[in-house]
């Protein structure tokens, strides 16, 4: 039951306690064991509840040790940047928005684990995604997407430009 997959029975046989919009950074690291604290660590705002309320989030544990309480989240988001990986402490899976045909992460990453970086090979381009995250054995609760730093992109672009110029120069001298 702890798998972070769209087929998890928590999604298919139970009613959600909350459905809302979160606006802010996708970089969570809970310091307290509540759903509200998890989302507050991203520095954004929670609102637009269609199910539940912020009070429900404040009064609901993320998880407890021994898998007594487990939280499964489906997070739909848009990324303006390429995603190179997902850092998480429990199970995670990532799909192109609106489809569950192909998990972009290795299937083994859907199971609870210690904090780890799941690498996307190849990286996922900017776009819309559905991420399933399970928080399943007490704190920590860590979840963030990894995107290339602008400085790294500049260095990569400069290096590729240099290689292109070098290749062009070699062709002219032959």
N, C-alpha and C. Protein backbone atom coordinates (compact mmCIF):
# COMPACT_ATOMS: atom_id res chain seq x y z
N UNK A 1 0.82 -1.20 0.00
CA UNK A 1 0.00 0.00 0.00
C UNK A 1 0.86 1.26 0.00
N UNK A 2 2.16 1.16 0.28
CA UNK A 2 3.01 2.34 0.38
C UNK A 2 3.60 2.79 -0.96
N UNK A 3 3.21 2.18 -2.05
CA UNK A 3 3.76 2.55 -3.36
C UNK A 3 3.22 3.90 -3.81
N UNK A 4 4.08 4.73 -4.35
CA UNK A 4 3.68 6.03 -4.89
C UNK A 4 3.30 5.85 -6.36
N UNK A 5 2.20 5.16 -6.58
CA UNK A 5 1.75 4.87 -7.93
C UNK A 5 0.27 5.24 -8.07
N UNK A 6 -0.17 5.57 -9.28
CA UNK A 6 -1.58 5.92 -9.48
C UNK A 6 -2.53 4.75 -9.23
N UNK A 7 -2.00 3.54 -9.15
CA UNK A 7 -2.83 2.37 -8.89
C UNK A 7 -2.94 2.06 -7.40
N UNK A 8 -2.31 2.83 -6.54
CA UNK A 8 -2.35 2.62 -5.10
C UNK A 8 -3.79 2.66 -4.61
N UNK A 9 -4.16 1.70 -3.76
CA UNK A 9 -5.54 1.63 -3.29
C UNK A 9 -5.96 2.85 -2.49
N UNK A 10 -5.02 3.59 -1.93
CA UNK A 10 -5.39 4.84 -1.25
C UNK A 10 -6.04 5.82 -2.22
N UNK A 11 -5.64 5.78 -3.47
CA UNK A 11 -6.24 6.68 -4.47
C UNK A 11 -7.51 6.10 -5.05
N UNK A 12 -7.60 4.80 -5.11
CA UNK A 12 -8.73 4.19 -5.82
C UNK A 12 -9.88 3.77 -4.91
N UNK A 13 -9.65 3.65 -3.58
CA UNK A 13 -10.73 3.16 -2.71
C UNK A 13 -11.06 4.09 -1.55
N UNK A 14 -10.34 5.17 -1.37
CA UNK A 14 -10.63 6.09 -0.27
C UNK A 14 -10.89 7.48 -0.82
N UNK A 15 -11.60 8.27 -0.03
CA UNK A 15 -11.85 9.65 -0.42
C UNK A 15 -10.71 10.54 0.07
N UNK A 16 -10.28 11.49 -0.73
CA UNK A 16 -9.19 12.38 -0.30
C UNK A 16 -9.64 13.26 0.86
N UNK A 17 -8.69 13.59 1.73
CA UNK A 17 -9.02 14.50 2.83
C UNK A 17 -8.95 15.95 2.39
N UNK A 18 -8.24 16.22 1.28
CA UNK A 18 -8.11 17.59 0.80
C UNK A 18 -7.75 17.62 -0.67
N UNK A 19 -8.22 18.64 -1.34
CA UNK A 19 -7.82 18.95 -2.72
C UNK A 19 -7.71 20.47 -2.76
N UNK A 20 -6.55 20.96 -3.18
CA UNK A 20 -6.30 22.40 -3.10
C UNK A 20 -5.22 22.79 -4.10
N UNK A 21 -4.97 24.08 -4.16
CA UNK A 21 -3.91 24.61 -5.02
C UNK A 21 -2.77 25.11 -4.14
N UNK A 22 -1.56 24.71 -4.50
CA UNK A 22 -0.35 25.23 -3.86
C UNK A 22 0.38 26.04 -4.90
N UNK A 23 0.75 27.25 -4.53
CA UNK A 23 1.52 28.11 -5.43
C UNK A 23 2.83 28.45 -4.73
N UNK A 24 3.94 28.06 -5.33
CA UNK A 24 5.24 28.35 -4.72
C UNK A 24 6.30 27.39 -5.21
N UNK A 25 7.42 27.41 -4.53
CA UNK A 25 8.55 26.56 -4.89
C UNK A 25 8.24 25.09 -4.65
N UNK A 26 8.82 24.25 -5.46
CA UNK A 26 8.66 22.80 -5.33
C UNK A 26 9.89 22.28 -4.60
N UNK A 27 9.96 22.62 -3.30
CA UNK A 27 11.13 22.28 -2.51
C UNK A 27 10.69 22.14 -1.06
N UNK A 28 10.26 20.93 -0.68
CA UNK A 28 9.66 20.70 0.63
C UNK A 28 10.58 19.89 1.53
N UNK A 29 10.63 20.27 2.82
CA UNK A 29 11.43 19.56 3.81
C UNK A 29 10.76 19.76 5.17
N UNK A 30 9.78 18.93 5.48
CA UNK A 30 8.97 19.12 6.68
C UNK A 30 9.81 19.04 7.95
N UNK A 31 9.52 19.95 8.87
CA UNK A 31 10.18 19.97 10.18
C UNK A 31 9.23 19.51 11.27
N UNK A 32 7.93 19.46 10.95
CA UNK A 32 6.91 18.94 11.86
C UNK A 32 6.07 17.93 11.07
N UNK A 33 5.42 17.04 11.77
CA UNK A 33 4.74 15.93 11.12
C UNK A 33 3.29 16.26 10.75
N UNK A 34 3.07 17.37 10.05
CA UNK A 34 1.72 17.67 9.56
C UNK A 34 1.79 17.99 8.07
N UNK A 35 0.69 17.76 7.40
CA UNK A 35 0.63 18.08 5.97
C UNK A 35 0.80 19.57 5.76
N UNK A 36 0.21 20.40 6.63
CA UNK A 36 0.34 21.86 6.51
C UNK A 36 1.80 22.28 6.59
N UNK A 37 2.56 21.71 7.54
CA UNK A 37 3.97 22.06 7.67
C UNK A 37 4.76 21.66 6.43
N UNK A 38 4.46 20.49 5.88
CA UNK A 38 5.13 20.03 4.66
C UNK A 38 5.03 21.09 3.57
N UNK A 39 3.82 21.55 3.28
CA UNK A 39 3.65 22.54 2.21
C UNK A 39 4.18 23.91 2.59
N UNK A 40 4.16 24.28 3.87
CA UNK A 40 4.67 25.60 4.28
C UNK A 40 6.17 25.71 4.08
N UNK A 41 6.90 24.57 4.13
CA UNK A 41 8.35 24.63 3.96
C UNK A 41 8.76 24.98 2.54
N UNK A 42 7.84 24.89 1.59
CA UNK A 42 8.14 25.32 0.22
C UNK A 42 8.09 26.83 0.05
N UNK A 43 7.56 27.52 1.07
CA UNK A 43 7.51 28.98 1.03
C UNK A 43 6.35 29.54 0.23
N UNK A 44 5.46 28.69 -0.26
CA UNK A 44 4.34 29.15 -1.08
C UNK A 44 3.06 29.28 -0.27
N UNK A 45 1.95 29.31 -0.99
CA UNK A 45 0.65 29.45 -0.35
C UNK A 45 -0.27 28.31 -0.75
N UNK A 46 -1.16 27.96 0.17
CA UNK A 46 -2.16 26.92 -0.04
C UNK A 46 -3.52 27.60 -0.06
N UNK A 47 -4.37 27.24 -1.01
CA UNK A 47 -5.70 27.85 -1.08
C UNK A 47 -6.56 27.15 -2.11
N UNK A 48 -7.71 27.72 -2.40
CA UNK A 48 -8.60 27.18 -3.42
C UNK A 48 -9.07 25.77 -3.11
N UNK A 49 -9.40 25.49 -1.85
CA UNK A 49 -9.82 24.15 -1.44
C UNK A 49 -11.13 23.76 -2.11
N UNK A 50 -11.15 22.59 -2.73
CA UNK A 50 -12.39 22.01 -3.26
C UNK A 50 -12.84 20.85 -2.37
N UNK A 51 -11.90 20.32 -1.59
CA UNK A 51 -12.19 19.31 -0.57
C UNK A 51 -11.34 19.67 0.64
N UNK A 52 -11.91 19.57 1.84
CA UNK A 52 -11.15 19.83 3.05
C UNK A 52 -10.88 21.31 3.27
N UNK A 53 -9.91 21.59 4.15
CA UNK A 53 -9.57 22.97 4.50
C UNK A 53 -8.14 23.01 5.02
N UNK A 54 -7.64 24.21 5.24
CA UNK A 54 -6.30 24.34 5.81
C UNK A 54 -6.26 23.76 7.22
N UNK A 55 -7.36 23.86 7.95
CA UNK A 55 -7.44 23.26 9.29
C UNK A 55 -7.24 21.75 9.22
N UNK A 56 -7.82 21.12 8.22
CA UNK A 56 -7.63 19.68 8.04
C UNK A 56 -6.14 19.37 7.85
N UNK A 57 -5.45 20.18 7.04
CA UNK A 57 -4.02 19.97 6.81
C UNK A 57 -3.21 20.16 8.08
N UNK A 58 -3.61 21.14 8.90
CA UNK A 58 -2.89 21.42 10.15
C UNK A 58 -3.08 20.31 11.17
N UNK A 59 -4.20 19.61 11.09
CA UNK A 59 -4.52 18.59 12.08
C UNK A 59 -4.27 17.16 11.60
N UNK A 60 -3.65 16.99 10.45
CA UNK A 60 -3.44 15.65 9.90
C UNK A 60 -1.94 15.34 9.83
N UNK A 61 -1.56 14.21 10.46
CA UNK A 61 -0.17 13.76 10.40
C UNK A 61 0.20 13.38 8.97
N UNK A 62 1.45 13.64 8.61
CA UNK A 62 1.97 13.14 7.34
C UNK A 62 2.08 11.63 7.37
N UNK A 63 2.74 11.11 8.40
CA UNK A 63 2.92 9.66 8.53
C UNK A 63 3.43 9.36 9.93
N UNK A 64 3.38 8.10 10.29
CA UNK A 64 3.94 7.66 11.57
C UNK A 64 4.84 6.46 11.31
N UNK A 65 5.76 6.26 12.24
CA UNK A 65 6.69 5.14 12.07
C UNK A 65 5.92 3.82 12.07
N UNK A 66 6.51 2.84 11.45
CA UNK A 66 5.85 1.54 11.34
C UNK A 66 4.71 1.54 10.34
N UNK A 67 4.65 2.56 9.50
CA UNK A 67 3.64 2.69 8.46
C UNK A 67 2.22 2.74 9.03
N UNK A 68 2.08 3.28 10.28
CA UNK A 68 0.76 3.39 10.89
C UNK A 68 -0.14 4.37 10.15
N UNK A 69 0.39 5.52 9.80
CA UNK A 69 -0.31 6.51 8.97
C UNK A 69 0.54 6.75 7.75
N UNK A 70 -0.09 6.80 6.60
CA UNK A 70 0.61 7.05 5.35
C UNK A 70 -0.14 8.12 4.57
N UNK A 71 0.59 9.05 3.98
CA UNK A 71 -0.02 10.06 3.13
C UNK A 71 0.43 9.84 1.70
N UNK A 72 -0.52 9.76 0.80
CA UNK A 72 -0.23 9.66 -0.63
C UNK A 72 -0.74 10.92 -1.30
N UNK A 73 0.12 11.60 -2.02
CA UNK A 73 -0.24 12.85 -2.68
C UNK A 73 -0.11 12.71 -4.18
N UNK A 74 -1.06 13.26 -4.89
CA UNK A 74 -0.91 13.44 -6.33
C UNK A 74 -0.74 14.94 -6.52
N UNK A 75 0.40 15.33 -7.07
CA UNK A 75 0.73 16.74 -7.26
C UNK A 75 0.85 16.99 -8.76
N UNK A 76 -0.05 17.79 -9.30
CA UNK A 76 0.02 18.18 -10.71
C UNK A 76 0.70 19.54 -10.77
N UNK A 77 1.71 19.66 -11.63
CA UNK A 77 2.45 20.92 -11.68
C UNK A 77 2.98 21.19 -13.07
N UNK A 78 3.34 22.44 -13.30
CA UNK A 78 3.99 22.86 -14.53
C UNK A 78 5.41 23.29 -14.19
N UNK A 79 6.35 22.84 -14.96
CA UNK A 79 7.74 23.25 -14.77
C UNK A 79 8.19 24.07 -15.96
N UNK A 80 8.73 25.24 -15.69
CA UNK A 80 9.26 26.09 -16.75
C UNK A 80 10.66 25.66 -17.14
N UNK A 81 11.24 24.73 -16.38
CA UNK A 81 12.61 24.29 -16.62
C UNK A 81 12.66 22.79 -16.86
N UNK A 82 13.75 22.34 -17.43
CA UNK A 82 14.03 20.92 -17.56
C UNK A 82 14.18 20.32 -16.17
N UNK A 83 13.65 19.13 -15.96
CA UNK A 83 13.77 18.45 -14.67
C UNK A 83 14.79 17.32 -14.84
N UNK A 84 15.85 17.36 -14.03
CA UNK A 84 16.89 16.35 -14.13
C UNK A 84 16.74 15.25 -13.09
N UNK A 85 15.92 15.50 -12.06
CA UNK A 85 15.72 14.49 -11.03
C UNK A 85 14.72 14.94 -9.99
N UNK A 86 14.42 14.04 -9.08
CA UNK A 86 13.51 14.32 -7.97
C UNK A 86 14.20 13.81 -6.71
N UNK A 87 14.38 14.70 -5.73
CA UNK A 87 14.93 14.30 -4.44
C UNK A 87 13.75 13.98 -3.54
N UNK A 88 13.79 12.82 -2.89
CA UNK A 88 12.67 12.40 -2.04
C UNK A 88 13.19 11.47 -0.96
N UNK A 89 12.41 11.33 0.10
CA UNK A 89 12.81 10.40 1.16
C UNK A 89 11.93 9.17 1.18
N UNK A 90 10.81 9.21 0.53
CA UNK A 90 9.94 8.05 0.43
C UNK A 90 9.59 7.86 -1.04
N UNK A 91 8.59 7.09 -1.35
CA UNK A 91 8.31 6.74 -2.74
C UNK A 91 7.84 7.90 -3.60
N UNK A 92 8.22 7.84 -4.88
CA UNK A 92 7.83 8.89 -5.83
C UNK A 92 7.73 8.28 -7.22
N UNK A 93 6.79 8.78 -8.01
CA UNK A 93 6.72 8.45 -9.43
C UNK A 93 6.32 9.72 -10.17
N UNK A 94 6.70 9.82 -11.43
CA UNK A 94 6.49 11.04 -12.21
C UNK A 94 6.00 10.66 -13.60
N UNK A 95 4.92 11.31 -14.02
CA UNK A 95 4.31 11.04 -15.32
C UNK A 95 4.07 12.35 -16.05
N UNK A 96 4.03 12.28 -17.38
CA UNK A 96 3.54 13.42 -18.14
C UNK A 96 2.08 13.63 -17.73
N UNK A 97 1.66 14.88 -17.62
CA UNK A 97 0.32 15.19 -17.11
C UNK A 97 -0.76 14.48 -17.91
N UNK A 98 -1.73 13.93 -17.18
CA UNK A 98 -2.89 13.32 -17.82
C UNK A 98 -2.70 11.91 -18.30
N UNK A 99 -1.52 11.32 -18.10
CA UNK A 99 -1.29 9.95 -18.55
C UNK A 99 -0.51 9.19 -17.49
N UNK A 100 -0.79 7.92 -17.36
CA UNK A 100 -0.01 7.07 -16.46
C UNK A 100 0.61 5.92 -17.23
N UNK A 101 0.82 6.15 -18.51
CA UNK A 101 1.34 5.10 -19.38
C UNK A 101 2.82 4.80 -19.12
N UNK A 102 3.60 5.81 -18.74
CA UNK A 102 5.04 5.62 -18.60
C UNK A 102 5.56 6.43 -17.42
N UNK A 103 6.05 5.73 -16.39
CA UNK A 103 6.69 6.40 -15.25
C UNK A 103 8.05 6.88 -15.73
N UNK A 104 8.31 8.17 -15.58
CA UNK A 104 9.57 8.74 -16.05
C UNK A 104 10.74 8.40 -15.12
N UNK A 105 10.43 7.89 -13.93
CA UNK A 105 11.45 7.48 -12.97
C UNK A 105 11.49 5.95 -12.90
N UNK A 106 12.59 5.37 -12.44
CA UNK A 106 12.63 3.91 -12.28
C UNK A 106 11.52 3.46 -11.32
N UNK A 107 10.83 2.38 -11.65
CA UNK A 107 9.70 1.90 -10.85
C UNK A 107 10.10 1.63 -9.41
N UNK A 108 11.32 1.23 -9.17
CA UNK A 108 11.76 0.95 -7.80
C UNK A 108 11.66 2.20 -6.92
N UNK A 109 11.70 3.38 -7.51
CA UNK A 109 11.63 4.62 -6.75
C UNK A 109 10.24 4.89 -6.19
N UNK A 110 9.25 4.12 -6.59
CA UNK A 110 7.90 4.32 -6.07
C UNK A 110 7.75 3.77 -4.65
N UNK A 111 8.70 2.97 -4.18
CA UNK A 111 8.63 2.37 -2.85
C UNK A 111 9.34 3.27 -1.83
N UNK A 112 8.89 3.26 -0.57
CA UNK A 112 9.55 4.07 0.46
C UNK A 112 11.01 3.71 0.59
N UNK A 113 11.81 4.73 0.84
CA UNK A 113 13.25 4.56 0.90
C UNK A 113 13.83 5.64 1.80
N UNK A 114 15.13 5.67 1.97
CA UNK A 114 15.76 6.79 2.66
C UNK A 114 15.95 7.90 1.63
N UNK A 115 16.34 9.08 2.09
CA UNK A 115 16.48 10.22 1.19
C UNK A 115 17.39 9.86 0.03
N UNK A 116 16.89 10.14 -1.16
CA UNK A 116 17.64 9.77 -2.35
C UNK A 116 17.32 10.72 -3.49
N UNK A 117 18.15 10.71 -4.50
CA UNK A 117 17.91 11.46 -5.73
C UNK A 117 17.58 10.46 -6.82
N UNK A 118 16.39 10.59 -7.38
CA UNK A 118 16.01 9.78 -8.53
C UNK A 118 16.33 10.59 -9.77
N UNK A 119 17.19 10.06 -10.61
CA UNK A 119 17.65 10.79 -11.78
C UNK A 119 16.80 10.45 -13.00
N UNK A 120 16.44 11.48 -13.74
CA UNK A 120 15.69 11.30 -14.98
C UNK A 120 16.66 11.16 -16.14
N UNK A 121 16.61 10.05 -16.83
CA UNK A 121 17.46 9.82 -17.99
C UNK A 121 16.56 9.41 -19.14
N UNK A 122 16.37 10.24 -20.15
CA UNK A 122 16.89 11.59 -20.28
C UNK A 122 16.10 12.55 -19.40
N UNK A 123 16.63 13.77 -19.18
CA UNK A 123 15.90 14.76 -18.40
C UNK A 123 14.54 15.06 -19.03
N UNK A 124 13.59 15.44 -18.18
CA UNK A 124 12.24 15.78 -18.65
C UNK A 124 12.21 17.24 -19.06
N UNK A 125 11.73 17.55 -20.26
CA UNK A 125 11.69 18.94 -20.70
C UNK A 125 10.65 19.74 -19.91
N UNK A 126 10.73 21.05 -20.00
CA UNK A 126 9.72 21.91 -19.38
C UNK A 126 8.35 21.44 -19.83
N UNK A 127 7.38 21.46 -18.92
CA UNK A 127 6.04 21.01 -19.28
C UNK A 127 5.19 20.69 -18.08
N UNK A 128 4.07 20.01 -18.30
CA UNK A 128 3.11 19.66 -17.25
C UNK A 128 3.32 18.21 -16.82
N UNK A 129 3.28 17.98 -15.51
CA UNK A 129 3.56 16.66 -14.95
C UNK A 129 2.60 16.34 -13.81
N UNK A 130 2.42 15.04 -13.57
CA UNK A 130 1.72 14.53 -12.40
C UNK A 130 2.75 13.74 -11.59
N UNK A 131 2.93 14.12 -10.34
CA UNK A 131 3.88 13.45 -9.46
C UNK A 131 3.10 12.80 -8.33
N UNK A 132 3.39 11.55 -8.06
CA UNK A 132 2.79 10.82 -6.94
C UNK A 132 3.88 10.65 -5.89
N UNK A 133 3.57 11.06 -4.65
CA UNK A 133 4.54 11.00 -3.56
C UNK A 133 3.89 10.35 -2.36
N UNK A 134 4.57 9.37 -1.76
CA UNK A 134 4.08 8.74 -0.55
C UNK A 134 5.02 9.09 0.59
N UNK A 135 4.45 9.57 1.67
CA UNK A 135 5.19 9.82 2.91
C UNK A 135 4.75 8.73 3.87
N UNK A 136 5.66 7.82 4.23
CA UNK A 136 5.19 6.57 4.81
C UNK A 136 5.86 6.07 6.08
N UNK A 137 6.75 6.74 6.71
CA UNK A 137 7.36 6.12 7.89
C UNK A 137 7.90 7.18 8.84
N UNK A 138 7.15 8.25 9.04
CA UNK A 138 7.59 9.32 9.92
C UNK A 138 8.58 10.24 9.22
N UNK A 139 8.94 11.31 9.93
CA UNK A 139 9.87 12.28 9.36
C UNK A 139 11.23 11.64 9.16
N UNK A 140 12.05 12.14 8.22
CA UNK A 140 11.86 13.37 7.45
C UNK A 140 10.86 13.18 6.31
N UNK A 141 10.40 14.31 5.80
CA UNK A 141 9.54 14.34 4.62
C UNK A 141 10.17 15.32 3.65
N UNK A 142 10.83 14.80 2.64
CA UNK A 142 11.61 15.60 1.69
C UNK A 142 11.11 15.35 0.28
N UNK A 143 10.86 16.43 -0.46
CA UNK A 143 10.45 16.29 -1.85
C UNK A 143 10.82 17.57 -2.59
N UNK A 144 11.59 17.43 -3.65
CA UNK A 144 11.92 18.59 -4.49
C UNK A 144 12.30 18.11 -5.89
N UNK A 145 12.05 18.96 -6.87
CA UNK A 145 12.51 18.67 -8.22
C UNK A 145 13.86 19.31 -8.40
N UNK A 146 14.69 18.67 -9.18
CA UNK A 146 16.02 19.17 -9.45
C UNK A 146 16.05 19.71 -10.87
N UNK A 147 16.45 20.96 -11.00
CA UNK A 147 16.58 21.58 -12.31
C UNK A 147 17.99 22.12 -12.45
N UNK A 148 18.54 22.16 -13.67
CA UNK A 148 19.89 22.68 -13.83
C UNK A 148 19.97 24.14 -13.40
N UNK A 149 21.05 24.47 -12.73
CA UNK A 149 21.26 25.87 -12.34
C UNK A 149 21.58 26.68 -13.58
N UNK A 150 21.13 27.95 -13.62
CA UNK A 150 21.42 28.78 -14.79
C UNK A 150 22.91 28.86 -15.11
N UNK A 151 23.75 28.91 -14.08
CA UNK A 151 25.19 28.97 -14.30
C UNK A 151 25.70 27.72 -15.00
N UNK A 152 25.16 26.57 -14.63
CA UNK A 152 25.55 25.30 -15.27
C UNK A 152 25.14 25.30 -16.73
N UNK A 153 23.95 25.84 -17.01
CA UNK A 153 23.49 25.91 -18.40
C UNK A 153 24.38 26.83 -19.23
N UNK A 154 24.80 27.95 -18.63
CA UNK A 154 25.69 28.87 -19.35
C UNK A 154 27.01 28.18 -19.66
N UNK A 155 27.57 27.48 -18.67
CA UNK A 155 28.83 26.76 -18.89
C UNK A 155 28.67 25.69 -19.97
N UNK A 156 27.57 24.94 -19.90
CA UNK A 156 27.32 23.91 -20.90
C UNK A 156 27.19 24.54 -22.28
N UNK A 157 26.42 25.62 -22.37
CA UNK A 157 26.24 26.30 -23.66
C UNK A 157 27.55 26.84 -24.20
N UNK A 158 28.36 27.43 -23.32
CA UNK A 158 29.67 27.96 -23.74
C UNK A 158 30.57 26.83 -24.23
N UNK A 159 30.57 25.71 -23.51
CA UNK A 159 31.38 24.57 -23.92
C UNK A 159 30.95 24.02 -25.26
N UNK A 160 29.63 23.90 -25.47
CA UNK A 160 29.13 23.40 -26.75
C UNK A 160 29.45 24.37 -27.88
N UNK A 161 29.35 25.67 -27.61
CA UNK A 161 29.70 26.67 -28.61
C UNK A 161 31.17 26.55 -28.98
N UNK A 162 32.02 26.38 -27.95
CA UNK A 162 33.46 26.22 -28.21
C UNK A 162 33.74 24.99 -29.05
N UNK A 163 33.09 23.88 -28.76
CA UNK A 163 33.27 22.67 -29.55
C UNK A 163 32.80 22.88 -30.99
N UNK A 164 31.68 23.60 -31.14
CA UNK A 164 31.17 23.88 -32.48
C UNK A 164 32.15 24.74 -33.28
N UNK A 165 32.73 25.75 -32.63
CA UNK A 165 33.70 26.60 -33.32
C UNK A 165 34.96 25.82 -33.67
N UNK A 166 35.41 24.97 -32.75
CA UNK A 166 36.59 24.14 -33.00
C UNK A 166 36.33 23.19 -34.17
N UNK A 167 35.17 22.56 -34.19
CA UNK A 167 34.84 21.65 -35.29
C UNK A 167 34.75 22.41 -36.61
N UNK A 168 34.17 23.61 -36.60
CA UNK A 168 34.07 24.42 -37.82
C UNK A 168 35.45 24.83 -38.31
N UNK A 169 36.36 25.19 -37.41
CA UNK A 169 37.71 25.60 -37.78
C UNK A 169 38.48 24.43 -38.41
N UNK A 170 38.30 23.23 -37.85
CA UNK A 170 38.99 22.06 -38.39
C UNK A 170 38.51 21.75 -39.82
N UNK A 171 37.22 21.92 -40.07
CA UNK A 171 36.70 21.64 -41.41
C UNK A 171 37.26 22.63 -42.43
N UNK A 172 37.46 23.87 -42.03
CA UNK A 172 37.96 24.87 -42.95
C UNK A 172 39.44 24.66 -43.30
N UNK A 173 40.20 24.10 -42.37
CA UNK A 173 41.65 23.96 -42.60
C UNK A 173 41.99 22.65 -43.31
N UNK A 174 41.05 21.78 -43.53
CA UNK A 174 41.32 20.49 -44.16
C UNK A 174 41.34 20.60 -45.65
